[in-house]
N, C-alpha and C. Protein backbone atom coordinates (compact mmCIF):
# COMPACT_ATOMS: atom_id res chain seq x y z
N LEU A 1 102.50 -65.12 -37.35
CA LEU A 1 101.61 -65.50 -36.93
C LEU A 1 100.76 -66.89 -37.82
N ILE A 2 100.90 -66.91 -39.09
CA ILE A 2 100.65 -68.60 -39.08
C ILE A 2 101.45 -69.79 -38.33
N ILE A 3 102.57 -69.81 -38.21
CA ILE A 3 102.82 -70.93 -37.49
C ILE A 3 102.21 -71.00 -35.96
N ALA A 4 101.49 -69.52 -35.32
CA ALA A 4 101.30 -69.60 -34.16
C ALA A 4 99.31 -70.00 -34.27
N LEU A 5 98.67 -69.72 -35.60
CA LEU A 5 97.35 -70.68 -35.82
C LEU A 5 97.47 -71.95 -36.42
N GLY A 6 98.75 -72.79 -37.16
CA GLY A 6 99.05 -73.27 -37.51
C GLY A 6 99.00 -74.70 -36.00
N GLY A 7 100.00 -74.14 -35.07
CA GLY A 7 99.77 -74.71 -33.51
C GLY A 7 98.23 -74.50 -32.92
N CYS A 8 97.41 -74.26 -33.43
CA CYS A 8 96.24 -73.27 -32.64
C CYS A 8 95.72 -74.01 -33.02
N VAL A 9 95.62 -74.70 -34.14
CA VAL A 9 94.67 -75.55 -34.57
C VAL A 9 94.22 -77.10 -34.60
N LEU A 10 95.54 -77.26 -34.81
CA LEU A 10 96.87 -78.55 -34.76
C LEU A 10 96.10 -78.88 -32.96
N GLY A 11 96.99 -77.58 -31.75
CA GLY A 11 96.56 -78.91 -30.22
C GLY A 11 95.33 -78.45 -30.58
N THR A 12 94.51 -76.92 -30.75
CA THR A 12 93.02 -77.64 -30.30
C THR A 12 92.57 -78.90 -30.69
N PHE A 13 92.68 -78.80 -31.88
CA PHE A 13 91.86 -80.58 -32.42
C PHE A 13 92.15 -81.33 -31.75
N LEU A 14 94.17 -81.56 -31.65
CA LEU A 14 94.26 -82.89 -30.62
C LEU A 14 93.77 -83.48 -29.76
N GLY A 15 93.39 -81.63 -28.82
CA GLY A 15 92.65 -81.76 -27.64
C GLY A 15 90.81 -82.25 -27.24
N ALA A 16 90.85 -81.76 -28.57
CA ALA A 16 89.54 -82.22 -28.72
C ALA A 16 89.10 -83.69 -29.37
N MET A 17 89.39 -84.17 -29.46
CA MET A 17 90.17 -85.50 -30.27
C MET A 17 90.74 -86.86 -28.87
N PHE A 18 91.59 -86.09 -28.59
CA PHE A 18 92.00 -86.60 -27.03
C PHE A 18 90.39 -86.83 -25.87
N TRP A 19 90.13 -86.08 -25.70
CA TRP A 19 88.33 -86.17 -24.61
C TRP A 19 87.24 -86.46 -24.91
N PHE A 20 87.18 -86.63 -26.88
CA PHE A 20 86.04 -87.79 -27.26
C PHE A 20 86.74 -88.50 -26.99
N PHE A 21 87.80 -88.97 -28.02
CA PHE A 21 87.80 -90.43 -28.02
C PHE A 21 87.73 -91.02 -26.24
N LEU A 22 88.43 -90.47 -25.46
CA LEU A 22 88.30 -91.00 -23.76
C LEU A 22 87.11 -90.86 -23.71
N GLY A 23 86.29 -90.43 -24.16
CA GLY A 23 84.64 -91.13 -23.59
C GLY A 23 83.73 -92.07 -24.40
N ARG A 24 85.17 -92.14 -25.65
CA ARG A 24 84.66 -93.41 -26.46
C ARG A 24 85.06 -94.61 -25.97
N LEU A 25 86.55 -94.45 -25.16
CA LEU A 25 86.93 -95.31 -24.22
C LEU A 25 85.89 -95.98 -23.60
N PHE A 26 86.15 -95.55 -22.87
CA PHE A 26 84.89 -95.21 -21.53
C PHE A 26 84.08 -95.88 -21.74
N GLY A 27 83.50 -94.80 -22.46
CA GLY A 27 81.41 -95.71 -22.90
C GLY A 27 80.29 -95.51 -21.31
N ALA A 28 79.56 -96.11 -22.25
CA ALA A 28 78.31 -96.16 -20.82
C ALA A 28 78.55 -96.71 -19.76
N ALA A 29 79.69 -97.69 -20.25
CA ALA A 29 80.17 -98.56 -18.69
C ALA A 29 80.88 -97.63 -17.24
N SER A 30 81.53 -96.11 -17.78
CA SER A 30 81.45 -95.74 -16.92
C SER A 30 80.81 -94.61 -16.17
N LEU A 31 79.59 -94.54 -16.27
CA LEU A 31 78.74 -94.14 -15.62
C LEU A 31 78.30 -94.72 -15.19
N GLN A 32 78.41 -95.84 -14.09
CA GLN A 32 77.74 -97.01 -13.45
C GLN A 32 78.53 -97.29 -12.91
N ARG A 33 79.96 -96.55 -12.75
CA ARG A 33 80.80 -96.47 -11.78
C ARG A 33 81.07 -95.57 -11.41
N PRO A 34 81.02 -95.55 -9.95
CA PRO A 34 81.57 -93.91 -8.58
C PRO A 34 82.79 -93.64 -8.76
N PRO A 35 82.78 -91.70 -9.10
CA PRO A 35 81.70 -91.37 -8.77
C PRO A 35 80.27 -90.76 -9.92
N ILE A 36 81.08 -91.41 -11.01
CA ILE A 36 79.38 -90.52 -12.04
C ILE A 36 78.61 -91.62 -11.36
N CYS A 37 78.59 -92.52 -10.59
CA CYS A 37 76.62 -93.10 -10.44
C CYS A 37 76.25 -91.75 -8.96
N TRP A 38 77.33 -91.80 -9.07
CA TRP A 38 76.74 -91.36 -7.23
C TRP A 38 76.77 -89.18 -7.80
N ILE A 39 76.70 -88.69 -9.23
CA ILE A 39 75.92 -87.42 -9.27
C ILE A 39 75.04 -87.55 -10.51
N THR A 40 74.49 -88.57 -11.11
CA THR A 40 73.50 -88.86 -12.43
C THR A 40 73.20 -89.84 -11.88
N SER A 41 71.58 -89.87 -13.10
CA SER A 41 70.52 -91.11 -12.19
C SER A 41 70.64 -91.42 -13.43
N PRO A 42 69.56 -92.57 -13.25
CA PRO A 42 68.87 -93.19 -15.00
C PRO A 42 68.17 -92.08 -15.85
N ARG A 43 67.73 -91.58 -15.15
CA ARG A 43 66.39 -89.99 -16.26
C ARG A 43 67.20 -89.42 -16.76
N HIS A 44 68.59 -89.19 -15.88
CA HIS A 44 69.60 -88.03 -16.70
C HIS A 44 69.92 -88.41 -18.04
N ILE A 45 70.77 -89.41 -17.86
CA ILE A 45 71.55 -90.21 -18.52
C ILE A 45 70.51 -90.52 -19.71
N ALA A 46 69.14 -90.62 -19.42
CA ALA A 46 68.07 -90.95 -20.89
C ALA A 46 67.95 -89.58 -21.48
N SER A 47 67.92 -88.33 -21.07
CA SER A 47 67.59 -87.47 -21.64
C SER A 47 69.10 -86.88 -22.31
N ALA A 48 70.58 -87.76 -21.61
CA ALA A 48 71.43 -86.98 -21.65
C ALA A 48 71.24 -88.17 -23.42
N ARG A 49 71.11 -88.28 -23.35
CA ARG A 49 71.46 -90.09 -24.59
C ARG A 49 70.17 -89.76 -25.92
N LEU A 50 69.15 -89.04 -25.75
CA LEU A 50 68.03 -88.54 -26.11
C LEU A 50 68.26 -86.74 -27.05
N PHE A 51 69.31 -86.04 -26.39
CA PHE A 51 69.67 -84.83 -26.67
C PHE A 51 70.90 -85.62 -27.48
N PHE A 52 71.84 -86.11 -27.29
CA PHE A 52 73.63 -86.85 -28.54
C PHE A 52 72.73 -86.78 -29.65
N GLU A 53 70.88 -87.87 -29.92
CA GLU A 53 71.09 -88.32 -30.93
C GLU A 53 70.48 -87.18 -31.19
N LYS A 54 69.74 -86.69 -30.82
CA LYS A 54 69.32 -84.98 -31.91
C LYS A 54 70.42 -83.95 -31.50
N HIS A 55 70.72 -83.43 -31.03
CA HIS A 55 71.76 -82.38 -31.26
C HIS A 55 73.54 -82.81 -30.92
N GLY A 56 73.05 -84.11 -30.89
CA GLY A 56 74.87 -83.86 -30.74
C GLY A 56 75.81 -83.28 -31.08
N PRO A 57 76.23 -83.01 -32.52
CA PRO A 57 77.21 -82.18 -33.71
C PRO A 57 76.78 -80.67 -33.67
N THR A 58 75.82 -80.98 -33.46
CA THR A 58 75.91 -78.63 -33.23
C THR A 58 75.81 -78.55 -32.03
N THR A 59 75.84 -79.62 -31.09
CA THR A 59 76.39 -79.23 -29.62
C THR A 59 77.48 -78.84 -29.22
N LEU A 60 78.66 -79.83 -29.90
CA LEU A 60 79.95 -80.43 -30.45
C LEU A 60 80.51 -78.60 -31.17
N LEU A 61 80.14 -78.37 -31.59
CA LEU A 61 80.30 -76.89 -32.34
C LEU A 61 79.86 -75.99 -31.94
N PHE A 62 79.27 -76.51 -31.04
CA PHE A 62 78.39 -74.90 -30.13
C PHE A 62 79.65 -74.51 -28.92
N ALA A 63 79.45 -75.53 -28.43
CA ALA A 63 80.69 -75.77 -27.20
C ALA A 63 81.75 -75.67 -27.50
N ARG A 64 82.58 -75.43 -28.58
CA ARG A 64 83.43 -75.29 -28.58
C ARG A 64 84.42 -73.93 -27.94
N PHE A 65 82.74 -73.05 -28.24
CA PHE A 65 82.95 -71.35 -28.01
C PHE A 65 82.67 -71.04 -26.17
N ALA A 66 82.43 -72.82 -25.09
CA ALA A 66 81.74 -72.62 -23.89
C ALA A 66 82.88 -72.56 -23.16
N PRO A 67 83.65 -71.94 -22.75
CA PRO A 67 84.39 -72.35 -22.30
C PRO A 67 84.63 -73.84 -21.01
N MET A 68 83.59 -73.25 -20.09
CA MET A 68 83.08 -73.71 -19.25
C MET A 68 82.65 -75.86 -19.29
N ILE A 69 81.55 -75.97 -20.15
CA ILE A 69 80.99 -76.54 -21.15
C ILE A 69 81.81 -77.42 -22.14
N ARG A 70 82.90 -76.82 -22.85
CA ARG A 70 83.53 -77.89 -23.30
C ARG A 70 84.46 -78.51 -23.31
N THR A 71 84.77 -79.44 -22.66
CA THR A 71 85.10 -80.82 -22.09
C THR A 71 83.87 -81.70 -21.77
N PRO A 72 83.32 -81.24 -20.90
CA PRO A 72 83.09 -82.24 -20.71
C PRO A 72 80.88 -82.64 -21.63
N VAL A 73 81.34 -81.49 -22.98
CA VAL A 73 80.47 -81.86 -24.01
C VAL A 73 81.19 -83.19 -24.94
N GLN A 74 82.60 -82.83 -24.87
CA GLN A 74 83.18 -83.80 -25.94
C GLN A 74 83.28 -84.98 -24.97
N VAL A 75 83.51 -84.96 -23.52
CA VAL A 75 83.39 -86.24 -23.42
C VAL A 75 82.25 -87.94 -23.67
N THR A 76 81.26 -86.25 -23.08
CA THR A 76 79.58 -87.15 -23.40
C THR A 76 79.75 -87.12 -24.65
N ALA A 77 79.99 -86.10 -25.68
CA ALA A 77 79.41 -87.16 -27.03
C ALA A 77 80.68 -88.48 -27.67
N GLY A 78 81.47 -88.21 -26.90
CA GLY A 78 82.34 -89.59 -26.94
C GLY A 78 81.46 -90.67 -26.46
N VAL A 79 80.73 -90.31 -25.17
CA VAL A 79 80.31 -91.52 -24.74
C VAL A 79 78.72 -92.18 -25.64
N PHE A 80 78.46 -91.20 -26.20
CA PHE A 80 76.84 -91.19 -26.28
C PHE A 80 76.63 -91.11 -27.71
N SER A 81 77.61 -90.14 -28.80
CA SER A 81 77.61 -90.41 -31.09
C SER A 81 77.30 -92.21 -30.71
N ASP A 82 76.54 -92.01 -31.92
CA ASP A 82 76.71 -93.49 -32.56
C ASP A 82 77.46 -93.38 -33.91
N LYS A 83 77.63 -91.48 -34.41
CA LYS A 83 78.48 -91.41 -35.00
C LYS A 83 79.33 -90.22 -35.58
N SER A 84 81.12 -91.37 -34.78
CA SER A 84 82.10 -90.91 -34.84
C SER A 84 82.35 -89.83 -36.23
N LYS A 85 81.65 -90.28 -36.78
CA LYS A 85 83.28 -89.62 -37.95
C LYS A 85 82.11 -87.96 -38.22
N THR A 86 80.27 -88.48 -38.29
CA THR A 86 80.15 -87.32 -37.80
C THR A 86 81.18 -86.03 -36.73
N CYS A 87 80.34 -86.60 -35.33
CA CYS A 87 81.61 -85.41 -34.64
C CYS A 87 83.28 -85.11 -35.23
N VAL A 88 83.88 -86.07 -35.43
CA VAL A 88 85.19 -85.54 -35.85
C VAL A 88 84.87 -84.69 -36.91
N VAL A 89 84.10 -84.96 -38.01
CA VAL A 89 83.65 -83.54 -38.32
C VAL A 89 83.88 -82.18 -38.05
N TYR A 90 82.39 -82.74 -37.03
CA TYR A 90 81.83 -81.03 -36.90
C TYR A 90 82.82 -80.53 -35.58
N LEU A 91 83.65 -81.36 -35.44
CA LEU A 91 85.24 -81.12 -34.24
C LEU A 91 86.13 -80.15 -34.85
N ALA A 92 86.60 -80.93 -35.85
CA ALA A 92 87.56 -79.91 -37.24
C ALA A 92 86.79 -78.24 -37.42
N ILE A 93 85.46 -78.43 -37.50
CA ILE A 93 84.48 -77.02 -38.41
C ILE A 93 85.45 -76.14 -37.02
N SER A 94 84.08 -76.84 -35.91
CA SER A 94 84.58 -75.80 -34.37
C SER A 94 86.18 -75.46 -34.75
N VAL A 95 87.06 -75.91 -34.21
CA VAL A 95 88.35 -76.30 -34.62
C VAL A 95 88.27 -74.79 -34.85
N LEU A 96 88.48 -75.00 -37.11
CA LEU A 96 88.69 -74.25 -37.88
C LEU A 96 88.04 -73.06 -38.05
N ILE A 97 87.07 -72.63 -37.09
CA ILE A 97 86.06 -71.95 -36.88
C ILE A 97 87.05 -71.17 -35.47
N TYR A 98 87.00 -71.37 -34.76
CA TYR A 98 87.80 -71.00 -33.30
C TYR A 98 89.29 -70.60 -33.24
N ALA A 99 89.85 -71.74 -33.67
CA ALA A 99 91.73 -71.08 -33.59
C ALA A 99 91.58 -69.63 -34.60
N PRO A 100 91.48 -69.73 -35.80
CA PRO A 100 91.49 -67.95 -36.09
C PRO A 100 91.00 -67.27 -35.53
N VAL A 101 90.49 -67.57 -34.81
CA VAL A 101 89.22 -66.36 -34.17
C VAL A 101 89.49 -66.20 -32.71
N LEU A 102 90.39 -67.20 -32.27
CA LEU A 102 91.43 -66.96 -30.99
C LEU A 102 92.31 -66.08 -31.14
N VAL A 103 93.43 -66.59 -32.17
CA VAL A 103 94.87 -66.24 -32.91
C VAL A 103 94.76 -65.11 -33.62
N ILE A 104 93.68 -64.57 -33.75
CA ILE A 104 93.65 -63.26 -34.79
C ILE A 104 93.38 -62.11 -33.79
N GLY A 105 92.30 -62.68 -33.05
CA GLY A 105 91.67 -61.27 -31.52
C GLY A 105 92.99 -61.35 -30.94
N SER A 106 93.47 -62.18 -30.29
CA SER A 106 94.48 -61.98 -29.38
C SER A 106 95.73 -61.33 -30.11
N GLY A 107 95.83 -61.38 -31.89
CA GLY A 107 97.04 -61.06 -32.10
C GLY A 107 96.23 -58.84 -32.07
N MET A 108 95.35 -58.75 -31.99
CA MET A 108 94.69 -57.71 -32.20
C MET A 108 94.28 -57.07 -30.93
N VAL A 109 94.16 -57.53 -29.61
CA VAL A 109 93.66 -57.32 -28.29
C VAL A 109 95.36 -56.99 -28.01
N GLY A 110 95.97 -57.25 -28.73
CA GLY A 110 97.89 -57.36 -27.44
C GLY A 110 98.33 -55.67 -28.14
N ARG A 111 97.88 -55.64 -29.56
CA ARG A 111 98.07 -54.64 -30.53
C ARG A 111 97.31 -53.70 -29.75
N ALA A 112 96.69 -53.97 -29.02
CA ALA A 112 95.54 -52.83 -28.74
C ALA A 112 95.92 -52.07 -27.89
N VAL A 113 96.36 -53.32 -26.95
CA VAL A 113 96.39 -52.87 -24.93
C VAL A 113 97.99 -53.14 -24.46
N THR A 114 98.59 -52.13 -23.85
CA THR A 114 99.50 -52.03 -23.35
C THR A 114 99.47 -52.61 -21.99
N ILE A 115 99.68 -54.36 -21.62
CA ILE A 115 98.87 -54.42 -20.28
C ILE A 115 100.38 -54.60 -19.64
N LEU A 116 101.78 -54.97 -19.96
CA LEU A 116 102.92 -54.71 -19.30
C LEU A 116 102.40 -53.18 -17.61
N PRO A 117 101.71 -51.81 -17.71
CA PRO A 117 102.39 -51.16 -16.87
C PRO A 117 100.76 -51.54 -16.12
N ILE A 118 99.93 -52.14 -16.25
CA ILE A 118 99.52 -52.58 -15.45
C ILE A 118 99.22 -54.26 -14.65
N TYR A 119 99.88 -54.63 -14.91
CA TYR A 119 100.70 -55.84 -14.69
C TYR A 119 101.42 -55.39 -13.55
N GLN A 120 102.83 -55.44 -13.76
CA GLN A 120 103.82 -54.72 -13.15
C GLN A 120 102.70 -53.63 -11.73
N GLN A 121 101.47 -53.18 -11.87
CA GLN A 121 101.20 -51.60 -11.16
C GLN A 121 99.87 -52.43 -10.37
N TYR A 122 99.20 -53.70 -10.44
CA TYR A 122 98.48 -54.32 -9.79
C TYR A 122 98.60 -56.01 -9.88
N GLY A 123 99.82 -56.45 -10.53
CA GLY A 123 99.54 -58.16 -10.63
C GLY A 123 100.07 -58.88 -9.23
N GLN A 124 100.99 -57.60 -8.57
CA GLN A 124 101.13 -59.18 -7.29
C GLN A 124 99.84 -58.84 -6.74
N TYR A 125 99.03 -58.33 -7.02
CA TYR A 125 98.00 -57.99 -5.00
C TYR A 125 97.27 -59.10 -6.62
N VAL A 126 96.74 -58.73 -7.75
CA VAL A 126 96.05 -59.76 -8.02
C VAL A 126 96.09 -61.76 -7.81
N LEU A 127 97.59 -61.83 -8.00
CA LEU A 127 97.79 -62.69 -7.78
C LEU A 127 97.80 -63.62 -5.82
N VAL A 128 97.74 -62.86 -5.03
CA VAL A 128 97.87 -63.03 -4.55
C VAL A 128 96.11 -62.74 -3.58
N SER A 129 95.26 -61.61 -4.33
CA SER A 129 93.60 -61.84 -4.41
C SER A 129 92.66 -63.28 -4.81
N VAL A 130 94.14 -63.53 -6.06
CA VAL A 130 93.38 -65.78 -6.02
C VAL A 130 93.50 -66.81 -5.14
N ALA A 131 94.94 -66.87 -5.24
CA ALA A 131 95.63 -67.34 -3.94
C ALA A 131 95.05 -67.69 -2.69
N ILE A 132 94.10 -66.82 -2.33
CA ILE A 132 93.55 -66.26 -0.83
C ILE A 132 91.78 -67.42 -0.96
N CYS A 133 91.06 -66.24 -2.75
CA CYS A 133 90.25 -66.71 -2.97
C CYS A 133 89.93 -68.57 -3.46
N LEU A 134 90.90 -69.02 -3.76
CA LEU A 134 91.05 -70.84 -4.36
C LEU A 134 91.66 -71.12 -3.02
N TRP A 135 92.05 -70.88 -2.05
CA TRP A 135 92.30 -71.46 -1.17
C TRP A 135 90.18 -70.85 0.60
N LEU A 136 89.67 -69.92 -1.02
CA LEU A 136 88.77 -70.15 0.30
C LEU A 136 87.45 -71.49 -0.11
N ILE A 137 87.12 -71.17 -1.78
CA ILE A 137 86.86 -72.56 -1.72
C ILE A 137 87.17 -73.04 -2.13
N LEU A 138 88.17 -73.65 -1.39
CA LEU A 138 88.46 -75.42 -1.14
C LEU A 138 88.50 -75.98 0.30
N VAL A 139 88.65 -74.53 1.71
CA VAL A 139 88.11 -74.72 2.97
C VAL A 139 86.66 -74.83 2.82
N ALA A 140 85.84 -74.13 1.94
CA ALA A 140 84.33 -74.13 2.22
C ALA A 140 83.50 -75.70 1.08
N VAL A 141 84.14 -76.43 -0.09
CA VAL A 141 83.93 -77.27 -0.03
C VAL A 141 84.68 -78.80 0.52
N ARG A 142 85.85 -78.19 1.47
CA ARG A 142 85.48 -79.29 3.07
C ARG A 142 84.51 -79.34 3.80
N PHE A 143 84.41 -77.85 4.11
CA PHE A 143 83.43 -78.30 5.52
C PHE A 143 82.05 -78.48 5.02
N ALA A 144 81.60 -78.82 3.42
CA ALA A 144 80.73 -78.89 2.81
C ALA A 144 80.41 -80.36 3.14
N VAL A 145 81.82 -80.83 2.06
CA VAL A 145 81.72 -82.46 2.22
C VAL A 145 81.72 -83.45 3.83
N ARG A 146 82.10 -81.88 5.00
CA ARG A 146 81.98 -82.53 6.36
C ARG A 146 80.82 -82.95 7.00
N GLN A 147 80.02 -81.37 6.22
CA GLN A 147 78.56 -81.26 6.88
C GLN A 147 77.57 -82.63 6.37
N ARG A 148 78.03 -82.45 5.07
CA ARG A 148 77.14 -83.89 4.05
C ARG A 148 77.50 -84.71 4.46
N ALA A 149 78.51 -85.05 4.79
CA ALA A 149 78.87 -86.61 5.48
C ALA A 149 78.12 -87.16 7.24
N SER A 150 78.95 -86.00 7.56
CA SER A 150 78.07 -85.53 8.72
C SER A 150 76.66 -85.83 9.46
N ARG A 151 75.61 -85.14 7.80
CA ARG A 151 74.26 -86.00 7.71
C ARG A 151 74.16 -86.92 7.84
N ALA A 152 75.01 -87.46 6.77
CA ALA A 152 74.54 -88.90 6.00
C ALA A 152 73.79 -89.79 7.06
N SER A 153 76.10 -90.38 7.70
CA SER A 153 75.81 -91.12 9.42
C SER A 153 75.40 -90.76 9.99
N PRO A 154 74.46 -92.29 10.35
CA PRO A 154 73.37 -92.02 11.78
C PRO A 154 74.12 -91.50 13.14
N PRO A 155 74.14 -91.27 13.10
CA PRO A 155 74.44 -91.13 15.00
C PRO A 155 74.80 -92.28 15.83
N PRO A 156 75.28 -91.30 16.21
CA PRO A 156 76.59 -93.24 17.60
C PRO A 156 75.19 -93.07 18.48
N GLN A 157 74.53 -94.80 18.69
CA GLN A 157 74.09 -94.60 20.13
C GLN A 157 74.88 -95.39 20.96
């Protein structure tokens, strides 16, 4: 358990630092280049900058527990935060809270739930269903992109 906890802490912290310093490295200049400039406006960028000046460290702390926004928040903090040391400290604190909860919680759930029989009975159906759903999402996205492109281009004359 101690080795798993140490590995989880180290891996989680290094991953968080990677995304934070990636934002630091590319910085605000990356916001002016495609594809980011296609989906953001100067108003959104100014709003994000103000938000991170006011709430940056605590946002990093709470984002660790929100899987879908964790990485974008870490990159955005790297781009907009002027206080690297403060952000690194808050990322470390979040990792020191998150890793034990993850490892110990997983161990407790693993002892309480015997998943192998469930997996053996339903695993292949779940795998096929996930593959079909991913394929349908891909088809829908490609269709939407083509529709948008056809509406954006002027009709031939």
